[in-house]
Amino acid sequence: MSHKPSTPSDRRTRVTVLVALAANLVIAVAKAVGGLIAGSPALLSEAAHSVADSLNEVFLLAALRRSRRPADSRHPFGYGKERFFWSLLAAVGIFVMGGCFSFYQGVDALSSGSSETHDGYVVGLVVLVVALFAEGASLLRALHQVRKQGGLAAGARDPALRTVVAEDGTAVLGVTFAIVGMALHMVTGQIVWEASASLAIGALLVYVAYRLGRDARDQLIGQAADVESSSRIRALLEAQPEIDSVESLLTMQLGPDSTLVAARVDLVPGLDSEEVELVAVRIKRSVAHTIPEADQIFLDVTDAAIARRAAGTEHAGSRPGAHVGGPAATGERGGA
């Protein structure tokens, strides 16, 4: 199946995801080896965290490719929501592979009272310090792209980029927890510090997974465009001389750069059918020019007075003797 050309933003996001994937693969191996040598629950928790992040980056690469497929008869609005679906899977991966395993490591360490050798402390801390620099570099790359895409609010619209930023930020904080836990364990000889670090990493991952999953869920079930974009669209519609009033405005995000706009408008009296068609085409072009991501625009022309009378009649219809009939009861006289 052919794909739509990638946008510059998509290409930058793909590079960011690939950088994060390479860093996580190397770090996961180093953490796993160091954790097995040291017998460190905090380090093994971080290894699971990096493995989960690596799988999530694979999900995000799939999302970037699959979401660019063009619209077809079964998916007339395109495949932009693929990104939200794969981001939801990434959140589940963080929760199961990262958070749950970290909780297991922390509880197991508390119950077994396992200990490390001095060599184990050295290996573990070296691995974690290297991981901290690698994760920090990946995070800086992701934040740099967010800044180039207009800041946090604009960059957050891309679920792939949002997930990478969340993963890398969590990784930096998680590695810091692990370093502190191992250092305190080394100084005090008490495994409880390292076990507590594992539990803290698990709690952090569960929280991040919940936030990412909630955002993906909202977008999958049909989240409206942001308030600023909706306000700009309404203001543009109300400024058109042919529009008497905007009765309703509905928006829905179809992807990071695709938004559906459906508006019910009441036109000024005296326009014939040909003029209505020309006005609708011009208004759609104005909206698309003002809000580039608004690529699916539908206008429903209605008579507000008839619609209000119909609504009142329908309300009265719940009382005995009321009657509603005829096409005019819908208050609609065509769409564009």
C-alpha atoms as a PDB file:
ATOM      1  CA  MET A   1       0.000   0.000   0.000  1.00  0.00           C
ATOM      2  CA  SER A   2       1.281   3.467  -0.915  1.00  0.00           C
ATOM      3  CA  HIS A   3       1.909   6.045   1.755  1.00  0.00           C
ATOM      4  CA  LYS A   4       1.512   9.798   1.847  1.00  0.00           C
ATOM      5  CA  PRO A   5       4.801  11.705   1.716  1.00  0.00           C
ATOM      6  CA  SER A   6       6.354  12.201   5.131  1.00  0.00           C
ATOM      7  CA  THR A   7       6.269  15.725   6.496  1.00  0.00           C
ATOM      8  CA  PRO A   8       9.462  17.387   7.828  1.00  0.00           C
ATOM      9  CA  SER A   9       7.996  17.016  11.309  1.00  0.00           C
ATOM     10  CA  ASP A  10       7.536  13.267  10.766  1.00  0.00           C
ATOM     11  CA  ARG A  11      11.093  12.874   9.547  1.00  0.00           C
ATOM     12  CA  ARG A  12      12.452  14.703  12.589  1.00  0.00           C
ATOM     13  CA  THR A  13      10.297  12.584  14.874  1.00  0.00           C
ATOM     14  CA  ARG A  14      11.558   9.403  13.213  1.00  0.00           C
ATOM     15  CA  VAL A  15      15.171  10.461  13.815  1.00  0.00           C
ATOM     16  CA  THR A  16      14.337  11.271  17.442  1.00  0.00           C
ATOM     17  CA  VAL A  17      12.718   7.847  17.922  1.00  0.00           C
ATOM     18  CA  LEU A  18      15.687   6.080  16.278  1.00  0.00           C
ATOM     19  CA  VAL A  19      18.125   7.926  18.552  1.00  0.00           C
ATOM     20  CA  ALA A  20      16.075   6.904  21.593  1.00  0.00           C
ATOM     21  CA  LEU A  21      15.863   3.298  20.353  1.00  0.00           C
ATOM     22  CA  ALA A  22      19.624   3.010  19.832  1.00  0.00           C
ATOM     23  CA  ALA A  23      20.323   4.495  23.252  1.00  0.00           C
ATOM     24  CA  ASN A  24      17.818   2.236  25.001  1.00  0.00           C
ATOM     25  CA  LEU A  25      19.065  -0.959  23.342  1.00  0.00           C
ATOM     26  CA  VAL A  26      22.656  -0.314  24.398  1.00  0.00           C
ATOM     27  CA  ILE A  27      21.631   0.794  27.872  1.00  0.00           C
ATOM     28  CA  ALA A  28      19.291  -2.184  28.368  1.00  0.00           C
ATOM     29  CA  VAL A  29      22.091  -4.655  27.664  1.00  0.00           C
ATOM     30  CA  ALA A  30      24.521  -2.805  29.933  1.00  0.00           C
ATOM     31  CA  LYS A  31      21.989  -2.566  32.773  1.00  0.00           C
ATOM     32  CA  ALA A  32      21.014  -6.229  32.487  1.00  0.00           C
ATOM     33  CA  VAL A  33      24.627  -7.422  32.541  1.00  0.00           C
ATOM     34  CA  GLY A  34      25.529  -5.049  35.367  1.00  0.00           C
ATOM     35  CA  GLY A  35      22.397  -6.008  37.315  1.00  0.00           C
ATOM     36  CA  LEU A  36      23.137  -9.732  37.047  1.00  0.00           C
ATOM     37  CA  ILE A  37      26.762  -9.235  38.091  1.00  0.00           C
ATOM     38  CA  ALA A  38      25.841  -6.950  40.969  1.00  0.00           C
ATOM     39  CA  GLY A  39      22.618  -8.719  41.944  1.00  0.00           C
ATOM     40  CA  SER A  40      21.043  -5.273  42.134  1.00  0.00           C
ATOM     41  CA  PRO A  41      17.219  -5.024  42.141  1.00  0.00           C
ATOM     42  CA  ALA A  42      17.346  -1.319  41.258  1.00  0.00           C
ATOM     43  CA  LEU A  43      19.622  -1.986  38.295  1.00  0.00           C
ATOM     44  CA  LEU A  44      17.491  -4.894  37.085  1.00  0.00           C
ATOM     45  CA  SER A  45      14.419  -2.665  37.372  1.00  0.00           C
ATOM     46  CA  GLU A  46      16.141  -0.105  35.206  1.00  0.00           C
ATOM     47  CA  ALA A  47      17.070  -2.838  32.705  1.00  0.00           C
ATOM     48  CA  ALA A  48      13.379  -3.791  32.439  1.00  0.00           C
ATOM     49  CA  HIS A  49      12.553  -0.111  32.026  1.00  0.00           C
ATOM     50  CA  SER A  50      14.988   0.202  29.110  1.00  0.00           C
ATOM     51  CA  VAL A  51      13.685  -2.986  27.461  1.00  0.00           C
ATOM     52  CA  ALA A  52      10.130  -1.620  27.690  1.00  0.00           C
ATOM     53  CA  ASP A  53      11.268   1.687  26.205  1.00  0.00           C
ATOM     54  CA  SER A  54      13.025  -0.131  23.340  1.00  0.00           C
ATOM     55  CA  LEU A  55       9.869  -2.063  22.441  1.00  0.00           C
ATOM     56  CA  ASN A  56       7.868   1.127  22.669  1.00  0.00           C
ATOM     57  CA  GLU A  57      10.173   2.847  20.200  1.00  0.00           C
ATOM     58  CA  VAL A  58       9.492  -0.014  17.759  1.00  0.00           C
ATOM     59  CA  PHE A  59       5.757   0.620  18.275  1.00  0.00           C
ATOM     60  CA  LEU A  60       6.260   4.308  17.572  1.00  0.00           C
ATOM     61  CA  LEU A  61       8.202   3.642  14.369  1.00  0.00           C
ATOM     62  CA  ALA A  62       5.322   1.443  13.208  1.00  0.00           C
ATOM     63  CA  ALA A  63       2.901   4.232  14.099  1.00  0.00           C
ATOM     64  CA  LEU A  64       4.854   6.808  12.097  1.00  0.00           C
ATOM     65  CA  ARG A  65       4.760   4.611   8.990  1.00  0.00           C
ATOM     66  CA  ARG A  66       1.220   3.251   9.241  1.00  0.00           C
ATOM     67  CA  SER A  67      -0.362   6.617  10.036  1.00  0.00           C
ATOM     68  CA  ARG A  68       0.837   7.997   6.682  1.00  0.00           C
ATOM     69  CA  ARG A  69      -1.297   5.578   4.671  1.00  0.00           C
ATOM     70  CA  PRO A  70      -3.780   7.449   2.461  1.00  0.00           C
ATOM     71  CA  ALA A  71      -7.517   7.367   3.056  1.00  0.00           C
ATOM     72  CA  ASP A  72      -9.484   4.537   1.444  1.00  0.00           C
ATOM     73  CA  SER A  73     -13.088   3.345   1.265  1.00  0.00           C
ATOM     74  CA  ARG A  74     -12.927   1.632   4.678  1.00  0.00           C
ATOM     75  CA  HIS A  75     -11.109   4.521   6.366  1.00  0.00           C
ATOM     76  CA  PRO A  76     -12.284   7.670   4.557  1.00  0.00           C
ATOM     77  CA  PHE A  77     -10.629   9.977   7.090  1.00  0.00           C
ATOM     78  CA  GLY A  78      -7.236   8.290   6.788  1.00  0.00           C
ATOM     79  CA  TYR A  79      -5.107   6.410   9.292  1.00  0.00           C
ATOM     80  CA  GLY A  80      -3.892   9.273  11.484  1.00  0.00           C
ATOM     81  CA  LYS A  81      -5.342   7.654  14.625  1.00  0.00           C
ATOM     82  CA  GLU A  82      -2.874   4.777  14.208  1.00  0.00           C
ATOM     83  CA  ARG A  83      -0.480   6.961  16.196  1.00  0.00           C
ATOM     84  CA  PHE A  84      -2.878   7.103  19.111  1.00  0.00           C
ATOM     85  CA  PHE A  85      -3.371   3.319  19.053  1.00  0.00           C
ATOM     86  CA  TRP A  86       0.343   2.507  19.055  1.00  0.00           C
ATOM     87  CA  SER A  87       0.943   5.115  21.740  1.00  0.00           C
ATOM     88  CA  LEU A  88      -1.654   3.305  23.854  1.00  0.00           C
ATOM     89  CA  LEU A  89       0.261   0.048  23.350  1.00  0.00           C
ATOM     90  CA  ALA A  90       3.453   1.824  24.380  1.00  0.00           C
ATOM     91  CA  ALA A  91       1.758   2.967  27.594  1.00  0.00           C
ATOM     92  CA  VAL A  92       0.673  -0.611  28.310  1.00  0.00           C
ATOM     93  CA  GLY A  93       4.251  -1.769  27.690  1.00  0.00           C
ATOM     94  CA  ILE A  94       5.619   0.771  30.162  1.00  0.00           C
ATOM     95  CA  PHE A  95       3.079  -0.339  32.766  1.00  0.00           C
ATOM     96  CA  VAL A  96       3.546  -4.107  32.387  1.00  0.00           C
ATOM     97  CA  MET A  97       7.234  -4.500  31.528  1.00  0.00           C
ATOM     98  CA  GLY A  98       8.557  -1.519  33.432  1.00  0.00           C
ATOM     99  CA  GLY A  99       6.292  -0.701  36.351  1.00  0.00           C
ATOM    100  CA  CYS A 100       5.183  -4.214  37.364  1.00  0.00           C
ATOM    101  CA  PHE A 101       8.682  -5.699  37.064  1.00  0.00           C
ATOM    102  CA  SER A 102      10.126  -2.859  39.139  1.00  0.00           C
ATOM    103  CA  PHE A 103       7.567  -3.480  41.891  1.00  0.00           C
ATOM    104  CA  TYR A 104       8.420  -7.182  41.792  1.00  0.00           C
ATOM    105  CA  GLN A 105      12.142  -6.474  42.134  1.00  0.00           C
ATOM    106  CA  GLY A 106      11.572  -4.117  45.059  1.00  0.00           C
ATOM    107  CA  VAL A 107       9.298  -6.528  46.964  1.00  0.00           C
ATOM    108  CA  ASP A 108      11.585  -9.478  46.239  1.00  0.00           C
ATOM    109  CA  ALA A 109      14.624  -7.578  47.527  1.00  0.00           C
ATOM    110  CA  LEU A 110      12.808  -6.665  50.757  1.00  0.00           C
ATOM    111  CA  SER A 111      11.666 -10.237  51.361  1.00  0.00           C
ATOM    112  CA  SER A 112      14.922 -11.998  50.451  1.00  0.00           C
ATOM    113  CA  GLY A 113      17.386  -9.478  51.870  1.00  0.00           C
ATOM    114  CA  SER A 114      19.809 -10.065  48.993  1.00  0.00           C
ATOM    115  CA  SER A 115      23.166  -8.330  49.111  1.00  0.00           C
ATOM    116  CA  GLU A 116      25.888  -7.293  46.694  1.00  0.00           C
ATOM    117  CA  THR A 117      29.636  -7.519  46.624  1.00  0.00           C
ATOM    118  CA  HIS A 118      31.777  -4.398  46.571  1.00  0.00           C
ATOM    119  CA  ASP A 119      32.634  -5.147  42.929  1.00  0.00           C
ATOM    120  CA  GLY A 120      28.928  -5.276  42.208  1.00  0.00           C
ATOM    121  CA  TYR A 121      28.414  -1.765  43.545  1.00  0.00           C
ATOM    122  CA  VAL A 122      31.192  -0.408  41.325  1.00  0.00           C
ATOM    123  CA  VAL A 123      29.896  -2.123  38.171  1.00  0.00           C
ATOM    124  CA  GLY A 124      26.321  -1.035  38.844  1.00  0.00           C
ATOM    125  CA  LEU A 125      27.164   2.584  39.537  1.00  0.00           C
ATOM    126  CA  VAL A 126      29.389   2.852  36.453  1.00  0.00           C
ATOM    127  CA  VAL A 127      26.629   1.448  34.269  1.00  0.00           C
ATOM    128  CA  LEU A 128      24.076   3.828  35.752  1.00  0.00           C
ATOM    129  CA  VAL A 129      26.274   6.898  35.306  1.00  0.00           C
ATOM    130  CA  VAL A 130      26.851   5.991  31.642  1.00  0.00           C
ATOM    131  CA  ALA A 131      23.109   5.373  31.245  1.00  0.00           C
ATOM    132  CA  LEU A 132      22.344   8.760  32.787  1.00  0.00           C
ATOM    133  CA  PHE A 133      24.445  10.547  30.168  1.00  0.00           C
ATOM    134  CA  ALA A 134      22.964   8.489  27.313  1.00  0.00           C
ATOM    135  CA  GLU A 135      19.369   9.024  28.449  1.00  0.00           C
ATOM    136  CA  GLY A 136      20.074  12.709  29.012  1.00  0.00           C
ATOM    137  CA  ALA A 137      21.410  13.078  25.471  1.00  0.00           C
ATOM    138  CA  SER A 138      18.302  11.371  24.052  1.00  0.00           C
ATOM    139  CA  LEU A 139      16.055  13.622  26.159  1.00  0.00           C
ATOM    140  CA  LEU A 140      17.859  16.747  24.939  1.00  0.00           C
ATOM    141  CA  ARG A 141      17.340  15.602  21.340  1.00  0.00           C
ATOM    142  CA  ALA A 142      13.600  15.133  21.954  1.00  0.00           C
ATOM    143  CA  LEU A 143      13.252  18.499  23.723  1.00  0.00           C
ATOM    144  CA  HIS A 144      15.137  20.191  20.877  1.00  0.00           C
ATOM    145  CA  GLN A 145      12.559  18.861  18.414  1.00  0.00           C
ATOM    146  CA  VAL A 146       9.692  19.956  20.661  1.00  0.00           C
ATOM    147  CA  ARG A 147      11.139  23.462  20.650  1.00  0.00           C
ATOM    148  CA  LYS A 148      11.489  23.435  16.844  1.00  0.00           C
ATOM    149  CA  GLN A 149       7.842  22.376  16.490  1.00  0.00           C
ATOM    150  CA  GLY A 150       6.582  25.380  18.410  1.00  0.00           C
ATOM    151  CA  GLY A 151       7.056  24.490  22.041  1.00  0.00           C
ATOM    152  CA  LEU A 152       5.540  21.999  24.443  1.00  0.00           C
ATOM    153  CA  ALA A 153       1.888  22.702  23.556  1.00  0.00           C
ATOM    154  CA  ALA A 154       2.418  22.256  19.808  1.00  0.00           C
ATOM    155  CA  GLY A 155       4.890  19.377  20.077  1.00  0.00           C
ATOM    156  CA  ALA A 156       2.606  17.489  22.463  1.00  0.00           C
ATOM    157  CA  ARG A 157       0.064  17.044  19.650  1.00  0.00           C
ATOM    158  CA  ASP A 158       2.311  14.332  18.173  1.00  0.00           C
ATOM    159  CA  PRO A 159       1.783  11.241  20.378  1.00  0.00           C
ATOM    160  CA  ALA A 160       5.036   9.654  19.172  1.00  0.00           C
ATOM    161  CA  LEU A 161       7.113  12.665  20.195  1.00  0.00           C
ATOM    162  CA  ARG A 162       5.148  13.039  23.433  1.00  0.00           C
ATOM    163  CA  THR A 163       5.860   9.405  24.301  1.00  0.00           C
ATOM    164  CA  VAL A 164       9.601   9.747  23.608  1.00  0.00           C
ATOM    165  CA  VAL A 165       9.832  12.843  25.798  1.00  0.00           C
ATOM    166  CA  ALA A 166       7.939  11.083  28.599  1.00  0.00           C
ATOM    167  CA  GLU A 167      10.083   7.940  28.317  1.00  0.00           C
ATOM    168  CA  ASP A 168      13.391   9.795  28.270  1.00  0.00           C
ATOM    169  CA  GLY A 169      12.386  12.113  31.105  1.00  0.00           C
ATOM    170  CA  THR A 170      11.238   9.130  33.155  1.00  0.00           C
ATOM    171  CA  ALA A 171      14.446   7.269  32.327  1.00  0.00           C
ATOM    172  CA  VAL A 172      16.623  10.130  33.587  1.00  0.00           C
ATOM    173  CA  LEU A 173      14.627  10.334  36.811  1.00  0.00           C
ATOM    174  CA  GLY A 174      14.581   6.539  37.200  1.00  0.00           C
ATOM    175  CA  VAL A 175      18.351   6.247  36.765  1.00  0.00           C
ATOM    176  CA  THR A 176      18.780   8.961  39.372  1.00  0.00           C
ATOM    177  CA  PHE A 177      16.606   6.965  41.809  1.00  0.00           C
ATOM    178  CA  ALA A 178      18.677   3.856  41.111  1.00  0.00           C
ATOM    179  CA  ILE A 179      21.996   5.670  41.684  1.00  0.00           C
ATOM    180  CA  VAL A 180      20.782   7.127  44.973  1.00  0.00           C
ATOM    181  CA  GLY A 181      19.423   3.752  46.095  1.00  0.00           C
ATOM    182  CA  MET A 182      22.614   1.877  45.271  1.00  0.00           C
ATOM    183  CA  ALA A 183      24.807   4.550  46.857  1.00  0.00           C
ATOM    184  CA  LEU A 184      22.813   4.504  50.103  1.00  0.00           C
ATOM    185  CA  HIS A 185      22.862   0.708  50.098  1.00  0.00           C
ATOM    186  CA  MET A 186      26.634   0.800  49.703  1.00  0.00           C
ATOM    187  CA  VAL A 187      27.062   3.295  52.537  1.00  0.00           C
ATOM    188  CA  THR A 188      24.607   1.785  55.021  1.00  0.00           C
ATOM    189  CA  GLY A 189      24.634  -1.849  54.003  1.00  0.00           C
ATOM    190  CA  GLN A 190      20.803  -1.808  54.108  1.00  0.00           C
ATOM    191  CA  ILE A 191      19.028  -3.360  51.097  1.00  0.00           C
ATOM    192  CA  VAL A 192      15.916  -1.373  51.982  1.00  0.00           C
ATOM    193  CA  TRP A 193      17.349   1.697  50.223  1.00  0.00           C
ATOM    194  CA  GLU A 194      17.792  -0.094  46.926  1.00  0.00           C
ATOM    195  CA  ALA A 195      14.461  -1.866  47.264  1.00  0.00           C
ATOM    196  CA  SER A 196      12.842   1.513  47.895  1.00  0.00           C
ATOM    197  CA  ALA A 197      14.495   2.826  44.729  1.00  0.00           C
ATOM    198  CA  SER A 198      12.954  -0.053  42.749  1.00  0.00           C
ATOM    199  CA  LEU A 199       9.531   0.671  44.212  1.00  0.00           C
ATOM    200  CA  ALA A 200       9.930   4.385  43.419  1.00  0.00           C
ATOM    201  CA  ILE A 201      10.892   3.533  39.820  1.00  0.00           C
ATOM    202  CA  GLY A 202       7.841   1.273  39.590  1.00  0.00           C
ATOM    203  CA  ALA A 203       5.521   3.990  40.916  1.00  0.00           C
ATOM    204  CA  LEU A 204       7.023   6.507  38.480  1.00  0.00           C
ATOM    205  CA  LEU A 205       6.536   4.180  35.500  1.00  0.00           C
ATOM    206  CA  VAL A 206       2.952   3.332  36.465  1.00  0.00           C
ATOM    207  CA  TYR A 207       2.120   7.044  36.745  1.00  0.00           C
ATOM    208  CA  VAL A 208       3.698   7.878  33.366  1.00  0.00           C
ATOM    209  CA  ALA A 209       1.956   4.884  31.750  1.00  0.00           C
ATOM    210  CA  TYR A 210      -1.369   6.074  33.176  1.00  0.00           C
ATOM    211  CA  ARG A 211      -0.905   9.605  31.821  1.00  0.00           C
ATOM    212  CA  LEU A 212       0.166   8.424  28.362  1.00  0.00           C
ATOM    213  CA  GLY A 213      -2.621   5.849  28.251  1.00  0.00           C
ATOM    214  CA  ARG A 214      -5.228   8.408  29.287  1.00  0.00           C
ATOM    215  CA  ASP A 215      -4.122  10.837  26.572  1.00  0.00           C
ATOM    216  CA  ALA A 216      -4.158   8.080  23.924  1.00  0.00           C
ATOM    217  CA  ARG A 217      -7.613   6.955  25.086  1.00  0.00           C
ATOM    218  CA  ASP A 218      -9.021  10.487  24.839  1.00  0.00           C
ATOM    219  CA  GLN A 219      -7.687  10.860  21.310  1.00  0.00           C
ATOM    220  CA  LEU A 220      -8.875   7.431  20.194  1.00  0.00           C
ATOM    221  CA  ILE A 221     -12.457   8.040  21.305  1.00  0.00           C
ATOM    222  CA  GLY A 222     -12.554  11.441  19.606  1.00  0.00           C
ATOM    223  CA  GLN A 223     -10.915  14.370  21.358  1.00  0.00           C
ATOM    224  CA  ALA A 224     -11.783  17.875  20.212  1.00  0.00           C
ATOM    225  CA  ALA A 225      -9.203  20.278  18.828  1.00  0.00           C
ATOM    226  CA  ASP A 226      -7.506  22.522  21.356  1.00  0.00           C
ATOM    227  CA  VAL A 227      -9.415  25.520  22.671  1.00  0.00           C
ATOM    228  CA  GLU A 228      -7.297  28.049  20.758  1.00  0.00           C
ATOM    229  CA  SER A 229      -7.884  26.382  17.378  1.00  0.00           C
ATOM    230  CA  SER A 230     -11.621  25.982  18.053  1.00  0.00           C
ATOM    231  CA  SER A 231     -11.887  29.639  19.053  1.00  0.00           C
ATOM    232  CA  ARG A 232     -10.064  30.755  15.900  1.00  0.00           C
ATOM    233  CA  ILE A 233     -12.365  28.658  13.706  1.00  0.00           C
ATOM    234  CA  ARG A 234     -15.498  30.020  15.387  1.00  0.00           C
ATOM    235  CA  ALA A 235     -14.221  33.606  15.113  1.00  0.00           C
ATOM    236  CA  LEU A 236     -13.457  33.132  11.423  1.00  0.00           C
ATOM    237  CA  LEU A 237     -16.919  31.702  10.746  1.00  0.00           C
ATOM    238  CA  GLU A 238     -18.674  34.472  12.668  1.00  0.00           C
ATOM    239  CA  ALA A 239     -16.673  37.092  10.739  1.00  0.00           C
ATOM    240  CA  GLN A 240     -18.044  35.908   7.364  1.00  0.00           C
ATOM    241  CA  PRO A 241     -20.619  38.408   6.032  1.00  0.00           C
ATOM    242  CA  GLU A 242     -22.839  35.618   4.687  1.00  0.00           C
ATOM    243  CA  ILE A 243     -23.101  33.859   8.066  1.00  0.00           C
ATOM    244  CA  ASP A 244     -25.774  35.207  10.382  1.00  0.00           C
ATOM    245  CA  SER A 245     -24.855  32.935  13.309  1.00  0.00           C
ATOM    246  CA  VAL A 246     -22.838  29.821  14.154  1.00  0.00           C
ATOM    247  CA  GLU A 247     -25.306  27.481  15.829  1.00  0.00           C
ATOM    248  CA  SER A 248     -22.794  24.762  16.705  1.00  0.00           C
ATOM    249  CA  LEU A 249     -19.156  23.884  16.080  1.00  0.00           C
ATOM    250  CA  LEU A 250     -17.752  20.373  16.489  1.00  0.00           C
ATOM    251  CA  THR A 251     -14.108  19.374  16.047  1.00  0.00           C
ATOM    252  CA  MET A 252     -12.197  16.114  16.391  1.00  0.00           C
ATOM    253  CA  GLN A 253      -8.510  15.275  16.079  1.00  0.00           C
ATOM    254  CA  LEU A 254      -7.934  12.671  13.371  1.00  0.00           C
ATOM    255  CA  GLY A 255      -4.154  12.747  13.759  1.00  0.00           C
ATOM    256  CA  PRO A 256      -1.319  15.085  14.778  1.00  0.00           C
ATOM    257  CA  ASP A 257      -1.824  17.169  11.624  1.00  0.00           C
ATOM    258  CA  SER A 258      -5.439  16.347  10.765  1.00  0.00           C
ATOM    259  CA  THR A 259      -8.612  17.771  12.313  1.00  0.00           C
ATOM    260  CA  LEU A 260     -12.265  17.300  11.403  1.00  0.00           C
ATOM    261  CA  VAL A 261     -14.432  20.443  11.571  1.00  0.00           C
ATOM    262  CA  ALA A 262     -18.242  20.286  11.409  1.00  0.00           C
ATOM    263  CA  ALA A 263     -20.222  23.503  11.786  1.00  0.00           C
ATOM    264  CA  ARG A 264     -23.942  24.233  11.675  1.00  0.00           C
ATOM    265  CA  VAL A 265     -24.377  27.781  10.404  1.00  0.00           C
ATOM    266  CA  ASP A 266     -27.338  30.061   9.720  1.00  0.00           C
ATOM    267  CA  LEU A 267     -26.818  32.142   6.558  1.00  0.00           C
ATOM    268  CA  VAL A 268     -28.223  35.591   5.943  1.00  0.00           C
ATOM    269  CA  PRO A 269     -31.549  35.640   4.056  1.00  0.00           C
ATOM    270  CA  GLY A 270     -31.746  36.055   0.297  1.00  0.00           C
ATOM    271  CA  LEU A 271     -29.021  33.662  -0.910  1.00  0.00           C
ATOM    272  CA  ASP A 272     -29.966  31.261  -3.684  1.00  0.00           C
ATOM    273  CA  SER A 273     -28.634  27.690  -3.894  1.00  0.00           C
ATOM    274  CA  GLU A 274     -25.742  28.580  -6.206  1.00  0.00           C
ATOM    275  CA  GLU A 275     -24.611  31.396  -3.926  1.00  0.00           C
ATOM    276  CA  VAL A 276     -24.790  29.043  -0.941  1.00  0.00           C
ATOM    277  CA  GLU A 277     -22.462  26.592  -2.696  1.00  0.00           C
ATOM    278  CA  LEU A 278     -19.956  29.324  -3.593  1.00  0.00           C
ATOM    279  CA  VAL A 279     -20.037  30.716  -0.053  1.00  0.00           C
ATOM    280  CA  ALA A 280     -19.491  27.245   1.430  1.00  0.00           C
ATOM    281  CA  VAL A 281     -16.455  26.611  -0.789  1.00  0.00           C
ATOM    282  CA  ARG A 282     -14.921  29.969   0.083  1.00  0.00           C
ATOM    283  CA  ILE A 283     -15.494  29.520   3.814  1.00  0.00           C
ATOM    284  CA  LYS A 284     -13.947  26.051   3.764  1.00  0.00           C
ATOM    285  CA  ARG A 285     -10.860  27.426   2.024  1.00  0.00           C
ATOM    286  CA  SER A 286     -10.587  30.241   4.566  1.00  0.00           C
ATOM    287  CA  VAL A 287     -10.770  27.802   7.478  1.00  0.00           C
ATOM    288  CA  ALA A 288      -8.199  25.466   5.897  1.00  0.00           C
ATOM    289  CA  HIS A 289      -5.863  28.407   5.243  1.00  0.00           C
ATOM    290  CA  THR A 290      -6.197  29.722   8.803  1.00  0.00           C
ATOM    291  CA  ILE A 291      -5.960  26.284  10.489  1.00  0.00           C
ATOM    292  CA  PRO A 292      -3.760  24.107   8.211  1.00  0.00           C
ATOM    293  CA  GLU A 293      -4.504  20.926  10.167  1.00  0.00           C
ATOM    294  CA  ALA A 294      -8.249  21.388   9.501  1.00  0.00           C
ATOM    295  CA  ASP A 295      -8.316  19.198   6.400  1.00  0.00           C
ATOM    296  CA  GLN A 296     -11.838  17.727   6.799  1.00  0.00           C
ATOM    297  CA  ILE A 297     -14.413  20.547   6.857  1.00  0.00           C
ATOM    298  CA  PHE A 298     -18.182  20.133   6.724  1.00  0.00           C
ATOM    299  CA  LEU A 299     -20.757  22.933   6.803  1.00  0.00           C
ATOM    300  CA  ASP A 300     -24.405  22.272   7.579  1.00  0.00           C
ATOM    301  CA  VAL A 301     -26.614  25.175   6.513  1.00  0.00           C
ATOM    302  CA  THR A 302     -29.632  25.531   8.777  1.00  0.00           C
ATOM    303  CA  ASP A 303     -32.333  28.057   9.577  1.00  0.00           C
ATOM    304  CA  ALA A 304     -31.813  28.979  13.223  1.00  0.00           C
ATOM    305  CA  ALA A 305     -35.353  30.296  13.730  1.00  0.00           C
ATOM    306  CA  ILE A 306     -36.928  27.106  12.366  1.00  0.00           C
ATOM    307  CA  ALA A 307     -34.498  24.976  14.384  1.00  0.00           C
ATOM    308  CA  ARG A 308     -35.423  26.786  17.594  1.00  0.00           C
ATOM    309  CA  ARG A 309     -39.140  26.461  16.884  1.00  0.00           C
ATOM    310  CA  ALA A 310     -38.663  22.758  16.080  1.00  0.00           C
ATOM    311  CA  ALA A 311     -36.754  22.241  19.291  1.00  0.00           C
ATOM    312  CA  GLY A 312     -39.555  23.892  21.240  1.00  0.00           C
ATOM    313  CA  THR A 313     -42.153  21.792  19.440  1.00  0.00           C
ATOM    314  CA  GLU A 314     -40.231  18.588  20.155  1.00  0.00           C
ATOM    315  CA  HIS A 315     -40.030  19.570  23.813  1.00  0.00           C
ATOM    316  CA  ALA A 316     -43.776  20.196  23.815  1.00  0.00           C
ATOM    317  CA  GLY A 317     -44.227  16.823  22.091  1.00  0.00           C
ATOM    318  CA  SER A 318     -43.592  15.131  25.405  1.00  0.00           C
ATOM    319  CA  ARG A 319     -46.933  16.573  26.592  1.00  0.00           C
ATOM    320  CA  PRO A 320     -50.253  15.039  25.557  1.00  0.00           C
ATOM    321  CA  GLY A 321     -51.724  16.491  22.388  1.00  0.00           C
ATOM    322  CA  ALA A 322     -48.439  17.836  20.985  1.00  0.00           C
ATOM    323  CA  HIS A 323     -47.524  16.899  17.423  1.00  0.00           C
ATOM    324  CA  VAL A 324     -44.332  17.185  15.396  1.00  0.00           C
ATOM    325  CA  GLY A 325     -44.321  16.491  11.690  1.00  0.00           C
ATOM    326  CA  GLY A 326     -42.734  17.354   8.389  1.00  0.00           C
ATOM    327  CA  PRO A 327     -39.126  17.810   7.265  1.00  0.00           C
ATOM    328  CA  ALA A 328     -38.939  21.312   8.731  1.00  0.00           C
ATOM    329  CA  ALA A 329     -38.978  19.822  12.217  1.00  0.00           C
ATOM    330  CA  THR A 330     -35.266  19.097  11.918  1.00  0.00           C
ATOM    331  CA  GLY A 331     -34.490  22.738  11.302  1.00  0.00           C
ATOM    332  CA  GLU A 332     -32.209  21.777   8.419  1.00  0.00           C
ATOM    333  CA  ARG A 333     -32.427  22.866   4.823  1.00  0.00           C
ATOM    334  CA  GLY A 334     -29.351  21.263   3.378  1.00  0.00           C
ATOM    335  CA  GLY A 335     -25.644  20.973   3.943  1.00  0.00           C
ATOM    336  CA  ALA A 336     -22.448  21.870   2.120  1.00  0.00           C
END
